[in-house]
Amino acid sequence: MFSWIVIALIIGYIVGCMHGSLVAQLLTGVNIKKEGVKNSGASNAAIVLGWKYGALVAFLDILKGAAAVWVFRWALHASSLSEETVWALLFVVGAGVVVGHNFPFYMRFNGGKGTAAVIGVMLALDWKLGLAGLLLLVGAALATNYLVAGVLVLYATFFAIAWWPAEGGLPLFIAAALFAMAVFKHTENISRIANGTENKVSSVFRKKAEGSS
């Protein structure tokens, strides 16, 4: 079991380090790590480059999270491991992806905030609950005009997946750890909301409209 956990973490971390923002940088020549709020996630790509590039980065980061879990699930399919162990390892590889996304070694361990990667992981773990989480994220973000509100709702759905259909205690522990990491990574956003300087969801679309008028 320990060796499986190590393998899952390493594979997940390597996949997580593959940032969608690098593709956006290749297409535009803009390193979003040096612009906007200075992180490599989809939300900053949208702030700096517009919503289309934000959507591209989000799609790629969602895809890597989903792909890592899908491939690992396929690899474990023929194993003799128990269902509880399989669920634990799927959550471990998913956690590795999120950690790799948030702390990539080549960005001095300062990457994104893991939201898109978590969405991908959730979709691969249970596509119905994952899709529900994504829709709730979008709904909460639009209703409040702040993405971070949607992120908090998303993690509530992640906890639901960890409770059921997942089995055992490790998925719940991992969900709690990733939620704590998300809160830590979003402390600046929460502070900016408090002082009224946080970028609003509507401002991203308004910026794009003004740029094309």
C-alpha atoms as a PDB file:
ATOM      1  CA  MET A   1       0.000   0.000   0.000  1.00  0.00           C
ATOM      2  CA  PHE A   2       2.771   2.443   0.901  1.00  0.00           C
ATOM      3  CA  SER A   3       4.528   1.909  -2.422  1.00  0.00           C
ATOM      4  CA  TRP A   4       1.259   2.506  -4.279  1.00  0.00           C
ATOM      5  CA  ILE A   5       0.747   5.759  -2.393  1.00  0.00           C
ATOM      6  CA  VAL A   6       4.258   6.968  -3.256  1.00  0.00           C
ATOM      7  CA  ILE A   7       3.763   6.078  -6.930  1.00  0.00           C
ATOM      8  CA  ALA A   8       0.378   7.822  -7.009  1.00  0.00           C
ATOM      9  CA  LEU A   9       1.776  10.986  -5.404  1.00  0.00           C
ATOM     10  CA  ILE A  10       4.750  11.154  -7.764  1.00  0.00           C
ATOM     11  CA  ILE A  11       2.647  10.587 -10.881  1.00  0.00           C
ATOM     12  CA  GLY A  12       0.054  13.093  -9.706  1.00  0.00           C
ATOM     13  CA  TYR A  13       2.668  15.712  -8.870  1.00  0.00           C
ATOM     14  CA  ILE A  14       4.381  15.395 -12.269  1.00  0.00           C
ATOM     15  CA  VAL A  15       1.061  15.721 -14.097  1.00  0.00           C
ATOM     16  CA  GLY A  16       0.056  18.649 -11.886  1.00  0.00           C
ATOM     17  CA  CYS A  17       3.219  20.535 -12.809  1.00  0.00           C
ATOM     18  CA  MET A  18       2.047  20.655 -16.447  1.00  0.00           C
ATOM     19  CA  HIS A  19       0.385  24.067 -16.360  1.00  0.00           C
ATOM     20  CA  GLY A  20      -2.145  25.203 -18.923  1.00  0.00           C
ATOM     21  CA  SER A  21      -0.756  28.714 -18.519  1.00  0.00           C
ATOM     22  CA  LEU A  22       2.396  27.591 -20.348  1.00  0.00           C
ATOM     23  CA  VAL A  23       0.294  26.998 -23.459  1.00  0.00           C
ATOM     24  CA  ALA A  24      -1.219  30.472 -23.117  1.00  0.00           C
ATOM     25  CA  GLN A  25       2.295  31.885 -22.795  1.00  0.00           C
ATOM     26  CA  LEU A  26       3.377  30.097 -25.978  1.00  0.00           C
ATOM     27  CA  LEU A  27       0.389  31.536 -27.852  1.00  0.00           C
ATOM     28  CA  THR A  28       0.622  35.108 -26.550  1.00  0.00           C
ATOM     29  CA  GLY A  29       4.182  35.585 -25.351  1.00  0.00           C
ATOM     30  CA  VAL A  30       2.808  36.794 -22.004  1.00  0.00           C
ATOM     31  CA  ASN A  31       3.985  35.189 -18.777  1.00  0.00           C
ATOM     32  CA  ILE A  32       0.944  35.626 -16.548  1.00  0.00           C
ATOM     33  CA  LYS A  33       3.097  34.853 -13.500  1.00  0.00           C
ATOM     34  CA  LYS A  34       4.487  38.364 -13.923  1.00  0.00           C
ATOM     35  CA  GLU A  35       1.144  40.073 -14.568  1.00  0.00           C
ATOM     36  CA  GLY A  36      -2.183  40.581 -12.832  1.00  0.00           C
ATOM     37  CA  VAL A  37      -2.297  38.877  -9.448  1.00  0.00           C
ATOM     38  CA  LYS A  38       0.928  37.022 -10.287  1.00  0.00           C
ATOM     39  CA  ASN A  39      -0.201  33.401 -10.342  1.00  0.00           C
ATOM     40  CA  SER A  40      -0.408  30.830 -13.122  1.00  0.00           C
ATOM     41  CA  GLY A  41      -4.045  29.825 -12.764  1.00  0.00           C
ATOM     42  CA  ALA A  42      -6.985  30.211 -15.115  1.00  0.00           C
ATOM     43  CA  SER A  43      -8.503  33.137 -13.215  1.00  0.00           C
ATOM     44  CA  ASN A  44      -5.346  35.211 -13.622  1.00  0.00           C
ATOM     45  CA  ALA A  45      -5.131  34.206 -17.288  1.00  0.00           C
ATOM     46  CA  ALA A  46      -8.643  35.607 -17.694  1.00  0.00           C
ATOM     47  CA  ILE A  47      -7.695  38.810 -15.846  1.00  0.00           C
ATOM     48  CA  VAL A  48      -4.542  39.364 -17.911  1.00  0.00           C
ATOM     49  CA  LEU A  49      -5.421  37.893 -21.315  1.00  0.00           C
ATOM     50  CA  GLY A  50      -9.220  37.860 -21.402  1.00  0.00           C
ATOM     51  CA  TRP A  51     -11.854  35.217 -20.784  1.00  0.00           C
ATOM     52  CA  LYS A  52     -11.010  33.107 -23.857  1.00  0.00           C
ATOM     53  CA  TYR A  53      -7.477  32.425 -22.654  1.00  0.00           C
ATOM     54  CA  GLY A  54      -8.811  31.949 -19.148  1.00  0.00           C
ATOM     55  CA  ALA A  55     -11.163  29.286 -20.513  1.00  0.00           C
ATOM     56  CA  LEU A  56      -8.291  27.639 -22.411  1.00  0.00           C
ATOM     57  CA  VAL A  57      -6.091  27.449 -19.322  1.00  0.00           C
ATOM     58  CA  ALA A  58      -9.013  26.185 -17.236  1.00  0.00           C
ATOM     59  CA  PHE A  59      -9.798  23.478 -19.798  1.00  0.00           C
ATOM     60  CA  LEU A  60      -6.194  22.248 -19.897  1.00  0.00           C
ATOM     61  CA  ASP A  61      -5.875  22.228 -16.106  1.00  0.00           C
ATOM     62  CA  ILE A  62      -9.209  20.429 -15.731  1.00  0.00           C
ATOM     63  CA  LEU A  63      -8.089  17.916 -18.349  1.00  0.00           C
ATOM     64  CA  LYS A  64      -4.859  17.066 -16.552  1.00  0.00           C
ATOM     65  CA  GLY A  65      -6.678  16.459 -13.271  1.00  0.00           C
ATOM     66  CA  ALA A  66      -9.224  14.215 -14.933  1.00  0.00           C
ATOM     67  CA  ALA A  67      -6.637  12.382 -17.054  1.00  0.00           C
ATOM     68  CA  ALA A  68      -4.427  11.519 -14.080  1.00  0.00           C
ATOM     69  CA  VAL A  69      -7.331   9.931 -12.185  1.00  0.00           C
ATOM     70  CA  TRP A  70      -8.761   8.199 -15.267  1.00  0.00           C
ATOM     71  CA  VAL A  71      -5.424   6.645 -16.217  1.00  0.00           C
ATOM     72  CA  PHE A  72      -4.703   5.558 -12.651  1.00  0.00           C
ATOM     73  CA  ARG A  73      -8.198   4.052 -12.331  1.00  0.00           C
ATOM     74  CA  TRP A  74      -7.551   2.089 -15.542  1.00  0.00           C
ATOM     75  CA  ALA A  75      -4.163   0.922 -14.230  1.00  0.00           C
ATOM     76  CA  LEU A  76      -5.759  -0.298 -10.997  1.00  0.00           C
ATOM     77  CA  HIS A  77      -8.663  -2.014 -12.743  1.00  0.00           C
ATOM     78  CA  ALA A  78      -6.880  -5.357 -13.099  1.00  0.00           C
ATOM     79  CA  SER A  79      -5.323  -5.235  -9.627  1.00  0.00           C
ATOM     80  CA  SER A  80      -6.440  -7.308  -6.654  1.00  0.00           C
ATOM     81  CA  LEU A  81      -6.705  -4.241  -4.426  1.00  0.00           C
ATOM     82  CA  SER A  82      -9.868  -3.707  -2.417  1.00  0.00           C
ATOM     83  CA  GLU A  83     -12.430  -1.101  -3.468  1.00  0.00           C
ATOM     84  CA  GLU A  84     -11.533   1.020  -0.424  1.00  0.00           C
ATOM     85  CA  THR A  85      -7.839   0.943  -1.362  1.00  0.00           C
ATOM     86  CA  VAL A  86      -8.597   1.872  -4.968  1.00  0.00           C
ATOM     87  CA  TRP A  87     -10.646   4.868  -3.844  1.00  0.00           C
ATOM     88  CA  ALA A  88      -7.855   5.920  -1.492  1.00  0.00           C
ATOM     89  CA  LEU A  89      -5.262   5.764  -4.283  1.00  0.00           C
ATOM     90  CA  LEU A  90      -7.472   7.718  -6.686  1.00  0.00           C
ATOM     91  CA  PHE A  91      -7.768  10.489  -4.110  1.00  0.00           C
ATOM     92  CA  VAL A  92      -4.001  10.342  -3.523  1.00  0.00           C
ATOM     93  CA  VAL A  93      -3.167  10.742  -7.218  1.00  0.00           C
ATOM     94  CA  GLY A  94      -5.721  13.576  -7.400  1.00  0.00           C
ATOM     95  CA  ALA A  95      -4.109  15.268  -4.411  1.00  0.00           C
ATOM     96  CA  GLY A  96      -0.734  14.901  -6.123  1.00  0.00           C
ATOM     97  CA  VAL A  97      -2.085  16.740  -9.175  1.00  0.00           C
ATOM     98  CA  VAL A  98      -3.370  19.620  -7.059  1.00  0.00           C
ATOM     99  CA  VAL A  99      -0.108  19.871  -5.095  1.00  0.00           C
ATOM    100  CA  GLY A 100       1.874  19.827  -8.341  1.00  0.00           C
ATOM    101  CA  HIS A 101      -0.339  22.552  -9.777  1.00  0.00           C
ATOM    102  CA  ASN A 102      -0.029  24.722  -6.681  1.00  0.00           C
ATOM    103  CA  PHE A 103       3.656  24.097  -5.994  1.00  0.00           C
ATOM    104  CA  PRO A 104       5.489  23.279  -9.257  1.00  0.00           C
ATOM    105  CA  PHE A 105       9.232  22.934  -8.713  1.00  0.00           C
ATOM    106  CA  TYR A 106      10.173  25.002 -11.789  1.00  0.00           C
ATOM    107  CA  MET A 107       8.091  27.975 -10.608  1.00  0.00           C
ATOM    108  CA  ARG A 108       9.868  28.018  -7.244  1.00  0.00           C
ATOM    109  CA  PHE A 109       6.920  26.138  -5.767  1.00  0.00           C
ATOM    110  CA  ASN A 110       4.499  29.006  -6.433  1.00  0.00           C
ATOM    111  CA  GLY A 111       1.975  28.057  -9.104  1.00  0.00           C
ATOM    112  CA  GLY A 112      -1.795  28.319  -9.213  1.00  0.00           C
ATOM    113  CA  LYS A 113      -4.526  27.759  -6.648  1.00  0.00           C
ATOM    114  CA  GLY A 114      -5.714  24.349  -7.777  1.00  0.00           C
ATOM    115  CA  THR A 115      -9.362  25.045  -8.570  1.00  0.00           C
ATOM    116  CA  ALA A 116      -9.392  23.797 -12.167  1.00  0.00           C
ATOM    117  CA  ALA A 117      -7.266  20.783 -11.246  1.00  0.00           C
ATOM    118  CA  VAL A 118      -9.713  19.874  -8.463  1.00  0.00           C
ATOM    119  CA  ILE A 119     -12.617  20.131 -10.903  1.00  0.00           C
ATOM    120  CA  GLY A 120     -10.881  17.669 -13.218  1.00  0.00           C
ATOM    121  CA  VAL A 121     -10.190  15.285 -10.356  1.00  0.00           C
ATOM    122  CA  MET A 122     -13.832  15.465  -9.242  1.00  0.00           C
ATOM    123  CA  LEU A 123     -15.138  14.803 -12.750  1.00  0.00           C
ATOM    124  CA  ALA A 124     -12.969  11.689 -12.989  1.00  0.00           C
ATOM    125  CA  LEU A 125     -13.933  10.441  -9.519  1.00  0.00           C
ATOM    126  CA  ASP A 126     -17.673  10.845 -10.142  1.00  0.00           C
ATOM    127  CA  TRP A 127     -18.701  12.772 -13.243  1.00  0.00           C
ATOM    128  CA  LYS A 128     -22.233  13.513 -12.040  1.00  0.00           C
ATOM    129  CA  LEU A 129     -21.169  15.023  -8.713  1.00  0.00           C
ATOM    130  CA  GLY A 130     -18.168  16.633 -10.418  1.00  0.00           C
ATOM    131  CA  LEU A 131     -20.449  18.313 -12.950  1.00  0.00           C
ATOM    132  CA  ALA A 132     -22.776  19.385 -10.149  1.00  0.00           C
ATOM    133  CA  GLY A 133     -19.805  20.935  -8.339  1.00  0.00           C
ATOM    134  CA  LEU A 134     -18.738  22.792 -11.466  1.00  0.00           C
ATOM    135  CA  LEU A 135     -22.246  24.163 -12.018  1.00  0.00           C
ATOM    136  CA  LEU A 136     -22.488  25.214  -8.371  1.00  0.00           C
ATOM    137  CA  LEU A 137     -19.113  26.957  -8.646  1.00  0.00           C
ATOM    138  CA  VAL A 138     -20.277  28.912 -11.700  1.00  0.00           C
ATOM    139  CA  GLY A 139     -23.615  29.733 -10.085  1.00  0.00           C
ATOM    140  CA  ALA A 140     -22.102  30.931  -6.799  1.00  0.00           C
ATOM    141  CA  ALA A 141     -19.408  32.936  -8.608  1.00  0.00           C
ATOM    142  CA  LEU A 142     -21.975  34.689 -10.817  1.00  0.00           C
ATOM    143  CA  ALA A 143     -24.397  35.263  -7.929  1.00  0.00           C
ATOM    144  CA  THR A 144     -21.746  36.846  -5.689  1.00  0.00           C
ATOM    145  CA  ASN A 145     -19.524  38.247  -8.480  1.00  0.00           C
ATOM    146  CA  TYR A 146     -16.516  36.647  -6.767  1.00  0.00           C
ATOM    147  CA  LEU A 147     -14.855  33.433  -7.917  1.00  0.00           C
ATOM    148  CA  VAL A 148     -13.653  32.529  -4.433  1.00  0.00           C
ATOM    149  CA  ALA A 149     -17.275  32.064  -3.301  1.00  0.00           C
ATOM    150  CA  GLY A 150     -17.708  29.485  -6.033  1.00  0.00           C
ATOM    151  CA  VAL A 151     -14.508  27.748  -4.957  1.00  0.00           C
ATOM    152  CA  LEU A 152     -15.835  27.261  -1.422  1.00  0.00           C
ATOM    153  CA  VAL A 153     -19.055  25.742  -2.775  1.00  0.00           C
ATOM    154  CA  LEU A 154     -17.014  23.481  -5.072  1.00  0.00           C
ATOM    155  CA  TYR A 155     -15.171  21.979  -2.125  1.00  0.00           C
ATOM    156  CA  ALA A 156     -18.452  21.184  -0.413  1.00  0.00           C
ATOM    157  CA  THR A 157     -19.193  18.923  -3.380  1.00  0.00           C
ATOM    158  CA  PHE A 158     -15.698  17.445  -3.163  1.00  0.00           C
ATOM    159  CA  PHE A 159     -16.431  16.490   0.450  1.00  0.00           C
ATOM    160  CA  ALA A 160     -19.634  14.847  -0.769  1.00  0.00           C
ATOM    161  CA  ILE A 161     -17.666  12.655  -3.191  1.00  0.00           C
ATOM    162  CA  ALA A 162     -15.212  11.760  -0.414  1.00  0.00           C
ATOM    163  CA  TRP A 163     -18.155  10.676   1.746  1.00  0.00           C
ATOM    164  CA  TRP A 164     -19.968   8.806  -1.029  1.00  0.00           C
ATOM    165  CA  PRO A 165     -19.323   7.078  -3.432  1.00  0.00           C
ATOM    166  CA  ALA A 166     -15.752   6.939  -2.057  1.00  0.00           C
ATOM    167  CA  GLU A 167     -15.009   4.458   0.716  1.00  0.00           C
ATOM    168  CA  GLY A 168     -12.795   4.692   3.789  1.00  0.00           C
ATOM    169  CA  GLY A 169     -11.368   7.545   5.812  1.00  0.00           C
ATOM    170  CA  LEU A 170      -8.439   8.610   3.627  1.00  0.00           C
ATOM    171  CA  PRO A 171     -10.585  10.335   0.946  1.00  0.00           C
ATOM    172  CA  LEU A 172     -12.199  12.480   3.652  1.00  0.00           C
ATOM    173  CA  PHE A 173      -8.805  13.358   5.110  1.00  0.00           C
ATOM    174  CA  ILE A 174      -7.497  14.310   1.653  1.00  0.00           C
ATOM    175  CA  ALA A 175     -10.593  16.408   0.925  1.00  0.00           C
ATOM    176  CA  ALA A 176     -10.090  18.269   4.206  1.00  0.00           C
ATOM    177  CA  ALA A 177      -6.388  18.805   3.500  1.00  0.00           C
ATOM    178  CA  LEU A 178      -7.045  20.130  -0.010  1.00  0.00           C
ATOM    179  CA  PHE A 179      -9.783  22.413   1.308  1.00  0.00           C
ATOM    180  CA  ALA A 180      -7.359  23.812   3.901  1.00  0.00           C
ATOM    181  CA  MET A 181      -4.798  24.333   1.129  1.00  0.00           C
ATOM    182  CA  ALA A 182      -7.405  26.129  -0.981  1.00  0.00           C
ATOM    183  CA  VAL A 183      -8.310  28.476   1.877  1.00  0.00           C
ATOM    184  CA  PHE A 184      -4.606  29.188   2.419  1.00  0.00           C
ATOM    185  CA  LYS A 185      -4.049  29.877  -1.291  1.00  0.00           C
ATOM    186  CA  HIS A 186      -7.060  32.212  -1.394  1.00  0.00           C
ATOM    187  CA  THR A 187      -6.270  34.263   1.715  1.00  0.00           C
ATOM    188  CA  GLU A 188      -5.184  37.211  -0.444  1.00  0.00           C
ATOM    189  CA  ASN A 189      -8.450  37.026  -2.406  1.00  0.00           C
ATOM    190  CA  ILE A 190     -10.453  37.001   0.821  1.00  0.00           C
ATOM    191  CA  SER A 191      -8.480  40.011   2.095  1.00  0.00           C
ATOM    192  CA  ARG A 192      -9.061  41.865  -1.172  1.00  0.00           C
ATOM    193  CA  ILE A 193     -12.798  41.151  -0.957  1.00  0.00           C
ATOM    194  CA  ALA A 194     -12.795  42.626   2.548  1.00  0.00           C
ATOM    195  CA  ASN A 195     -11.116  45.844   1.398  1.00  0.00           C
ATOM    196  CA  GLY A 196     -13.004  46.045  -1.915  1.00  0.00           C
ATOM    197  CA  THR A 197     -10.091  45.522  -4.306  1.00  0.00           C
ATOM    198  CA  GLU A 198     -10.734  41.944  -5.474  1.00  0.00           C
ATOM    199  CA  ASN A 199     -11.315  41.476  -9.209  1.00  0.00           C
ATOM    200  CA  LYS A 200     -14.972  40.723  -9.877  1.00  0.00           C
ATOM    201  CA  VAL A 201     -16.179  38.062 -12.297  1.00  0.00           C
ATOM    202  CA  SER A 202     -18.080  40.649 -14.333  1.00  0.00           C
ATOM    203  CA  SER A 203     -14.970  42.805 -14.748  1.00  0.00           C
ATOM    204  CA  VAL A 204     -13.228  40.078 -16.757  1.00  0.00           C
ATOM    205  CA  PHE A 205     -15.992  40.038 -19.367  1.00  0.00           C
ATOM    206  CA  ARG A 206     -16.299  43.842 -19.315  1.00  0.00           C
ATOM    207  CA  LYS A 207     -12.567  44.184 -19.951  1.00  0.00           C
ATOM    208  CA  LYS A 208     -12.816  41.878 -22.955  1.00  0.00           C
ATOM    209  CA  ALA A 209     -15.799  43.760 -24.376  1.00  0.00           C
ATOM    210  CA  GLU A 210     -14.011  47.097 -24.035  1.00  0.00           C
ATOM    211  CA  GLY A 211     -10.888  45.705 -25.684  1.00  0.00           C
ATOM    212  CA  SER A 212     -12.840  44.518 -28.744  1.00  0.00           C
ATOM    213  CA  SER A 213     -15.009  47.651 -29.160  1.00  0.00           C
END
